[in-house]
Each structure stands twice: as structure tokens, then as C-alpha cells.
Protein backbone atom coordinates (compact mmCIF):
# COMPACT_ATOMS: atom_id res chain seq x y z
CA MET A 1 41.42 -101.03 -44.79
CA GLU A 2 39.73 -97.85 -42.97
CA GLU A 3 37.71 -99.89 -40.42
CA ASN A 4 40.75 -101.68 -39.31
CA ILE A 5 42.52 -98.34 -38.37
CA ARG A 6 41.71 -97.28 -34.65
CA ASP A 7 41.57 -93.56 -33.57
CA VAL A 8 44.01 -94.18 -30.96
CA ILE A 9 46.33 -96.87 -29.56
CA MET A 10 47.72 -96.54 -26.06
CA ILE A 11 50.61 -98.29 -25.05
CA GLY A 12 50.66 -99.08 -21.13
CA ALA A 13 47.35 -99.34 -19.02
CA GLY A 14 48.69 -97.06 -16.02
CA PRO A 15 47.00 -94.32 -14.48
CA SER A 16 48.16 -91.82 -17.35
CA SER A 17 46.63 -93.90 -20.09
CA LEU A 18 43.72 -95.09 -18.17
CA ALA A 19 42.88 -91.21 -17.31
CA ALA A 20 43.43 -90.73 -21.16
CA ALA A 21 41.12 -93.05 -22.27
CA ILE A 22 38.53 -91.96 -19.95
CA TYR A 23 38.39 -88.52 -21.86
CA THR A 24 38.94 -89.97 -25.44
CA THR A 25 36.17 -92.64 -25.00
CA ARG A 26 33.68 -90.21 -23.43
CA GLU A 27 33.89 -88.14 -26.86
CA ASP A 28 33.49 -91.35 -29.00
CA ILE A 29 37.13 -91.52 -29.82
CA ASP A 30 37.78 -95.38 -30.46
CA THR A 31 40.32 -96.25 -28.05
CA VAL A 32 42.51 -99.55 -27.65
CA LEU A 33 45.09 -99.76 -24.64
CA TYR A 34 47.83 -102.71 -24.71
CA GLU A 35 49.24 -103.55 -21.60
CA LYS A 36 52.14 -106.11 -20.99
CA SER A 37 51.66 -106.79 -17.55
CA ALA A 38 49.51 -105.37 -14.64
CA ILE A 39 46.77 -102.70 -15.46
CA GLY A 40 47.64 -99.95 -13.12
CA GLY A 41 51.56 -100.17 -13.51
CA LEU A 42 53.33 -99.38 -10.41
CA ALA A 43 50.51 -97.64 -8.88
CA ALA A 44 48.77 -101.00 -8.42
CA ILE A 45 51.73 -102.59 -6.62
CA THR A 46 51.92 -99.51 -4.24
CA ASP A 47 50.72 -100.19 -0.71
CA MET A 48 49.22 -96.83 0.12
CA VAL A 49 48.89 -93.74 -1.88
CA ASP A 50 48.65 -90.83 0.41
CA ASN A 51 49.05 -87.84 -1.81
CA TYR A 52 46.18 -88.59 -4.35
CA PRO A 53 43.77 -85.59 -4.00
CA GLY A 54 40.20 -86.60 -3.02
CA PHE A 55 41.21 -89.37 -0.49
CA PRO A 56 41.88 -87.65 2.98
CA ASP A 57 42.78 -91.26 4.61
CA GLY A 58 44.84 -92.24 1.58
CA ILE A 59 43.73 -95.01 -0.95
CA GLU A 60 45.44 -98.40 -1.59
CA GLY A 61 47.34 -98.03 -4.95
CA LEU A 62 45.54 -101.50 -6.13
CA THR A 63 42.19 -100.13 -5.48
CA LEU A 64 42.96 -96.79 -6.90
CA ALA A 65 43.98 -98.56 -10.08
CA GLY A 66 41.14 -100.86 -10.13
CA HIS A 67 38.80 -97.42 -10.08
CA LEU A 68 40.56 -95.98 -13.00
CA GLU A 69 40.29 -99.42 -15.26
CA LYS A 70 36.52 -99.56 -14.54
CA GLN A 71 35.79 -95.98 -15.26
CA ALA A 72 37.80 -96.27 -18.50
CA GLU A 73 36.00 -99.71 -19.65
CA ARG A 74 32.47 -97.92 -18.65
CA PHE A 75 32.92 -95.22 -21.41
CA GLY A 76 34.16 -97.94 -23.89
CA ALA A 77 37.80 -98.23 -23.71
CA HIS A 78 39.33 -101.52 -24.70
CA ILE A 79 41.96 -103.03 -22.72
CA GLU A 80 44.21 -106.12 -24.10
CA PHE A 81 47.17 -107.70 -22.94
CA GLY A 82 50.19 -107.62 -25.31
CA GLN A 83 53.71 -106.57 -25.49
CA VAL A 84 54.38 -103.73 -28.09
CA ASP A 85 57.63 -104.44 -29.70
CA ALA A 86 58.01 -101.28 -32.15
CA ILE A 87 56.29 -98.48 -33.91
CA ALA A 88 56.61 -97.13 -37.18
CA THR A 89 54.83 -94.67 -39.66
CA ASP A 90 52.84 -95.27 -43.20
CA GLY A 91 52.15 -91.79 -44.08
CA ASP A 92 49.79 -90.22 -41.51
CA ILE A 93 49.07 -93.78 -40.17
CA LYS A 94 51.14 -95.18 -37.13
CA VAL A 95 51.91 -98.90 -37.19
CA VAL A 96 52.28 -100.54 -33.73
CA THR A 97 53.60 -104.16 -33.40
CA VAL A 98 52.04 -106.05 -30.81
CA ASP A 99 53.28 -109.60 -30.11
CA GLY A 100 54.52 -109.85 -33.48
CA SER A 101 51.56 -108.54 -35.46
CA ASP A 102 50.84 -104.99 -36.70
CA VAL A 103 47.82 -102.87 -35.61
CA ARG A 104 47.17 -99.76 -37.09
CA ALA A 105 45.91 -96.37 -35.59
CA LYS A 106 45.68 -92.62 -36.41
CA THR A 107 47.43 -91.89 -33.35
CA VAL A 108 49.27 -93.27 -30.44
CA LEU A 109 50.06 -92.44 -26.96
CA ILE A 110 52.88 -93.86 -25.19
CA ALA A 111 52.50 -94.05 -21.35
CA THR A 112 54.79 -97.20 -20.54
CA GLY A 113 55.79 -95.68 -17.35
CA SER A 114 59.01 -96.87 -15.85
CA ASP A 115 60.55 -100.07 -14.07
CA TYR A 116 62.53 -100.51 -11.02
CA LYS A 117 66.29 -99.89 -11.30
CA LYS A 118 68.55 -102.76 -10.43
CA ILE A 119 71.67 -102.28 -8.72
CA GLY A 120 74.04 -104.67 -10.92
CA VAL A 121 75.65 -106.60 -8.16
CA PRO A 122 76.43 -110.58 -8.18
CA GLY A 123 73.65 -112.38 -6.83
CA GLU A 124 71.06 -109.73 -7.88
CA ALA A 125 69.57 -111.38 -11.01
CA GLU A 126 70.23 -114.86 -9.92
CA LEU A 127 68.36 -114.97 -6.70
CA TYR A 128 65.30 -112.53 -8.13
CA GLY A 129 62.16 -114.47 -6.92
CA ARG A 130 64.22 -116.32 -4.44
CA GLY A 131 65.18 -113.57 -1.66
CA VAL A 132 65.54 -110.64 -3.92
CA HIS A 133 62.28 -108.44 -4.78
CA TYR A 134 61.29 -104.97 -5.83
CA CYS A 135 57.79 -104.84 -4.53
CA ALA A 136 57.08 -104.73 -0.87
CA THR A 137 53.17 -104.94 -1.26
CA CYS A 138 53.78 -108.12 -3.61
CA ASP A 139 56.31 -110.16 -1.37
CA GLY A 140 56.41 -108.74 1.87
CA ALA A 141 54.11 -111.05 3.41
CA PHE A 142 56.55 -113.96 2.76
CA TYR A 143 58.87 -112.55 5.49
CA ARG A 144 56.62 -112.86 8.62
CA GLU A 145 59.08 -112.94 11.43
CA LYS A 146 62.11 -112.54 9.27
CA ARG A 147 65.22 -110.32 8.83
CA LEU A 148 65.33 -108.12 5.79
CA VAL A 149 67.64 -105.94 3.95
CA VAL A 150 66.21 -102.64 2.15
CA ILE A 151 68.52 -101.22 -0.39
CA GLY A 152 67.93 -97.35 -0.96
CA GLY A 153 67.47 -93.91 0.23
CA GLY A 154 64.72 -92.06 -1.11
CA ASN A 155 61.14 -91.94 -0.92
CA SER A 156 60.33 -95.26 -2.08
CA ALA A 157 62.94 -97.45 0.04
CA PHE A 158 61.58 -95.38 3.15
CA GLN A 159 58.10 -95.97 2.17
CA GLU A 160 58.50 -99.67 1.56
CA ALA A 161 60.74 -100.19 4.49
CA ILE A 162 57.86 -98.89 6.75
CA PHE A 163 55.36 -101.13 4.92
CA LEU A 164 57.55 -104.19 5.54
CA THR A 165 57.96 -103.53 9.26
CA ARG A 166 54.44 -105.23 9.79
CA TYR A 167 56.12 -108.19 8.90
CA ALA A 168 59.93 -108.49 9.42
CA THR A 169 61.57 -108.61 12.78
CA HIS A 170 64.32 -106.22 11.75
CA ILE A 171 65.28 -104.23 8.61
CA ASP A 172 68.75 -103.03 7.77
CA LEU A 173 68.19 -100.20 5.54
CA LEU A 174 71.41 -99.68 3.37
CA VAL A 175 71.76 -96.03 1.90
CA ARG A 176 74.48 -95.35 -0.38
CA SER A 177 75.15 -91.81 0.26
CA ASP A 178 72.72 -89.74 2.27
CA ILE A 179 69.04 -89.91 2.83
CA ARG A 180 66.82 -88.40 0.11
CA ALA A 181 63.64 -89.18 1.36
CA SER A 182 61.15 -86.54 2.36
CA ASP A 183 60.96 -85.16 6.04
CA VAL A 184 57.72 -86.64 6.36
CA LEU A 185 58.89 -90.06 5.49
CA GLN A 186 61.86 -89.72 7.62
CA HIS A 187 59.84 -88.59 10.54
CA ASP A 188 57.48 -91.72 10.10
CA MET A 189 60.48 -93.90 9.92
CA GLN A 190 61.86 -92.68 13.38
CA GLN A 191 59.89 -94.62 15.46
CA TYR A 192 60.98 -97.84 14.05
CA ILE A 193 64.56 -96.74 14.31
CA ASP A 194 64.01 -95.92 17.82
CA SER A 195 62.59 -99.02 18.86
CA GLY A 196 65.33 -101.04 17.02
CA GLN A 197 63.43 -102.70 14.49
CA VAL A 198 65.04 -100.72 11.49
CA THR A 199 68.87 -99.81 11.57
CA VAL A 200 70.08 -97.32 9.03
CA HIS A 201 73.53 -98.03 7.65
CA LEU A 202 74.34 -94.50 5.69
CA ASN A 203 77.40 -94.35 3.18
CA THR A 204 77.00 -98.00 2.50
CA THR A 205 77.38 -99.76 -1.10
CA THR A 206 75.97 -103.02 -1.56
CA GLU A 207 78.82 -105.18 -3.13
CA GLU A 208 77.04 -108.61 -3.23
CA ILE A 209 74.14 -110.57 -2.33
CA VAL A 210 74.92 -113.98 -1.17
CA SER A 211 73.05 -117.40 -1.10
CA THR A 212 72.84 -120.52 0.88
CA ASP A 213 70.85 -123.48 -0.86
CA GLY A 214 69.73 -121.19 -3.60
CA ARG A 215 68.28 -118.75 -1.10
CA VAL A 216 69.29 -115.21 0.10
CA SER A 217 71.30 -115.43 3.23
CA GLN A 218 73.69 -112.47 3.33
CA VAL A 219 74.54 -109.15 1.88
CA LYS A 220 78.07 -107.87 1.46
CA ALA A 221 78.69 -104.21 1.55
CA ILE A 222 81.14 -101.73 2.19
CA LYS A 223 80.21 -98.99 4.86
CA ASP A 224 82.67 -96.12 5.43
CA GLY A 225 85.34 -98.01 3.37
CA ASN A 226 85.24 -101.18 5.64
CA PRO A 227 83.58 -104.31 4.53
CA ILE A 228 80.37 -105.62 6.44
CA ALA A 229 78.25 -108.54 6.29
CA ILE A 230 74.64 -108.74 7.05
CA ASP A 231 72.57 -111.90 7.63
CA THR A 232 69.20 -111.64 6.13
CA ASP A 233 66.59 -113.67 4.74
CA GLY A 234 65.40 -111.32 1.83
CA VAL A 235 66.51 -107.98 0.10
CA PHE A 236 64.13 -105.41 -1.11
CA VAL A 237 65.82 -103.03 -3.73
CA PHE A 238 64.37 -99.21 -4.07
CA VAL A 239 66.89 -97.25 -5.85
CA GLY A 240 64.81 -95.51 -8.62
CA LEU A 241 63.20 -96.09 -12.02
CA SER A 242 64.44 -96.54 -15.42
CA PRO A 243 61.75 -95.66 -18.44
CA ASN A 244 60.45 -98.28 -20.41
CA THR A 245 61.42 -97.06 -23.89
CA GLY A 246 63.55 -99.94 -25.02
CA PHE A 247 60.89 -100.75 -27.77
CA LEU A 248 61.50 -97.39 -29.51
CA GLU A 249 64.62 -97.98 -30.81
CA GLY A 250 64.86 -97.17 -34.30
CA SER A 251 61.45 -95.44 -34.39
CA GLY A 252 62.40 -91.98 -34.55
CA ILE A 253 60.92 -90.80 -31.49
CA GLU A 254 63.55 -88.10 -29.86
CA LEU A 255 64.59 -89.11 -26.26
CA ASP A 256 66.60 -87.35 -23.49
CA GLU A 257 69.72 -88.52 -22.19
CA VAL A 258 68.38 -91.14 -19.90
CA GLY A 259 65.70 -92.36 -22.08
CA LEU A 260 62.52 -90.62 -21.45
CA ILE A 261 60.49 -89.28 -24.28
CA LYS A 262 60.82 -85.58 -25.28
CA THR A 263 57.61 -83.78 -25.91
CA ASN A 264 56.45 -80.59 -26.88
CA ALA A 265 53.88 -78.28 -25.10
CA HIS A 266 50.82 -80.52 -26.29
CA LEU A 267 52.75 -83.77 -25.43
CA GLU A 268 53.50 -84.62 -28.81
CA THR A 269 56.68 -86.44 -29.65
CA SER A 270 59.12 -85.73 -32.37
CA ILE A 271 56.64 -87.64 -34.46
CA PRO A 272 53.27 -85.72 -35.27
CA GLY A 273 50.39 -87.70 -33.97
CA ILE A 274 52.42 -89.75 -31.31
CA PHE A 275 52.15 -88.56 -27.81
CA ALA A 276 53.49 -89.22 -24.46
CA SER A 277 52.40 -88.95 -20.90
CA GLY A 278 53.13 -90.12 -17.46
CA ASP A 279 56.35 -91.17 -16.03
CA VAL A 280 58.02 -92.17 -19.38
CA ARG A 281 57.90 -88.75 -20.44
CA SER A 282 60.73 -86.15 -20.00
CA GLY A 283 60.24 -83.57 -17.22
CA ALA A 284 57.57 -85.96 -15.50
CA THR A 285 57.41 -85.26 -11.77
CA MET A 286 56.93 -89.37 -11.31
CA GLN A 287 53.64 -88.82 -9.34
CA ILE A 288 50.31 -90.61 -9.87
CA ALA A 289 48.43 -87.28 -9.75
CA SER A 290 50.62 -85.37 -12.39
CA ALA A 291 50.52 -88.74 -14.53
CA VAL A 292 46.71 -88.65 -14.58
CA GLY A 293 46.70 -84.61 -15.33
CA GLU A 294 48.94 -85.44 -18.24
CA GLY A 295 46.59 -88.22 -19.60
CA ALA A 296 43.98 -86.01 -19.55
CA ALA A 297 46.10 -83.31 -21.33
CA ALA A 298 47.21 -85.79 -23.98
CA ALA A 299 43.76 -86.89 -24.75
CA LEU A 300 42.57 -83.46 -25.20
CA SER A 301 45.65 -83.13 -27.75
CA ILE A 302 44.76 -86.24 -29.37
CA ARG A 303 41.29 -85.05 -30.09
CA GLU A 304 42.63 -81.72 -31.47
CA TYR A 305 45.27 -83.82 -33.77
CA LEU A 306 42.05 -85.82 -35.04
CA ASP A 307 39.70 -83.28 -35.78
CA ASN A 308 42.56 -81.59 -37.95
CA LEU A 309 43.39 -84.83 -39.59
CA ASN A 310 39.64 -85.46 -40.46
CA ARG A 311 39.21 -82.03 -42.04
């Protein structure tokens, strides 16, 4: 059975695990990554990354993800598509269930990141892909010369709304309370507000997404206590992220109150030999640069763990 046991299984193929794989494979640590959707994670569907060190003019998220993927594969990382359903332990060996089959490894790195939060109003789930979206770079081009509603008041909402101005004739930005976006993004947005292309609605809570003939046609909301209705061709929701940790139920891995994975100073979870890094980790800063750094740090901790295991 020994030859069937990998050195490390990495769950997720976003920036954090790809960076970790670069480090582990360069040291001849047998490494396989399992990804259930898109390689590069949320970074791959981010229009432009302006704050990643080394790119003074910014870099497209898809391009950055592609560079990380190629570099990891150049050193020997194996990237496979598959959904991880559970993690268990068998003595010192970790058992990862992928698409119903068990894969065994000496160590595991969980870097599953986070997913877009939903607002949970009528019409949101029913109209997903038919006018309700969570990725501007994926779906924005469908709305050339159309009206849009963007929901959210943080960095992602402002960044994605600015991106959507290249397509939409007008954007209504619905902010539940106060604006939380950075001063830089607010400054960038101001030109679109001044031109009338973007209208910001503060203290506005979305109540329902309405359809006509199976497509989004209107958003109903409460603004300053009064009901309003905004005609629109599409809705983009950017209200934060939720951790992808549902598959850890029953694993014994300790999570915090919002479902993020707790780790120690070595990025090790409550189960020895299982590590976590990036946006899925409690205390993470939700930045690509820090996720990459945590991936590198986790790789070094994995190497140390394997060295001690093999003594």
C-alpha cells in the first residue's frame, strides 16, 4: 500500500495551494491538487489585480492564475479535477474522499478558499444565470447597452461595478447601510457618479428580484424605509464571501464561528498533518498576496512534518 500513499494532497487549486505546490514539488515532495471547478479560484475570475507585488501596471486575474498553474506544473505538481466530499484519518495517514473514492496521503493542505455569499431574497436562486450573477468578468459582456443593478458596498462591489461600466449604460448600486469600499475605489467610482452612469443608493435593502418571461426585469427594495422598484436587465451580487468548509463536517477539524478553519502558528489544524492556508483559514486577510505567502509557509510546515514522520 505504501506506493499508493501520496506525500501531500492539496484541496483546491487557487493561488494559495498553487504557491504551496511550487514549494513542495521543488523539494521532490509528491504533490497532487484536487479542484472541483476553476483552477485559480476567485483570482481567476477577477478582472484586474492591482495590488499584487511585482506588477506595477496590475495583472489580469486569469493571467496571474495561469502563471501560478504553469509554474506549479513545471516542478511536477499533479492537478486533477474532482470534488472532495470528506476527510478522515487512519492512524498517521489521511484519507480524502474524492468523487466517492478514497485517496490516501501523509499530509493534507486545505486551501478551498471562499465562495460568493447570497442575499437570500425571492428570485435570486431561481434567476441565477438568467439575469442574476456573481462574476462581472464572466458575465458582464452580456449586458452591453443594458441597465444593471449591483448589490453591495464593499471593495468587491465597487471594483466590479467599475468594471461593468464598460458595458452597461447605467448602474444602480444598492448599498445596505454605509459604503465600506476603500478610499481609492471610492475615488475611482466618483467619475462615473458625476457622469450619471452610476447611481448609489445608500440605506437600501434588496427585497426581491422580479422576472418577466423568465428573465430579470426589476429589483424591489426598501430605501430609507420606503419601497422602491428599479427596472433592470441584470443583477450582480457582491456582498462578501463564505468559506468552502461544508465538506469538513464530522472530520474533527476545528472551525471558528463563521466556518473558517482554525490553525496554529504553523498553519496546522486541530488534526496533526492537516494544514490550511488562504481565504479558508481563520484570520486570513482575504488578499491574493497573503494567500500565496501562506501557501509557501504551509509548504515549509508540511516539509517539516514529513521529515519528522519519516525519522
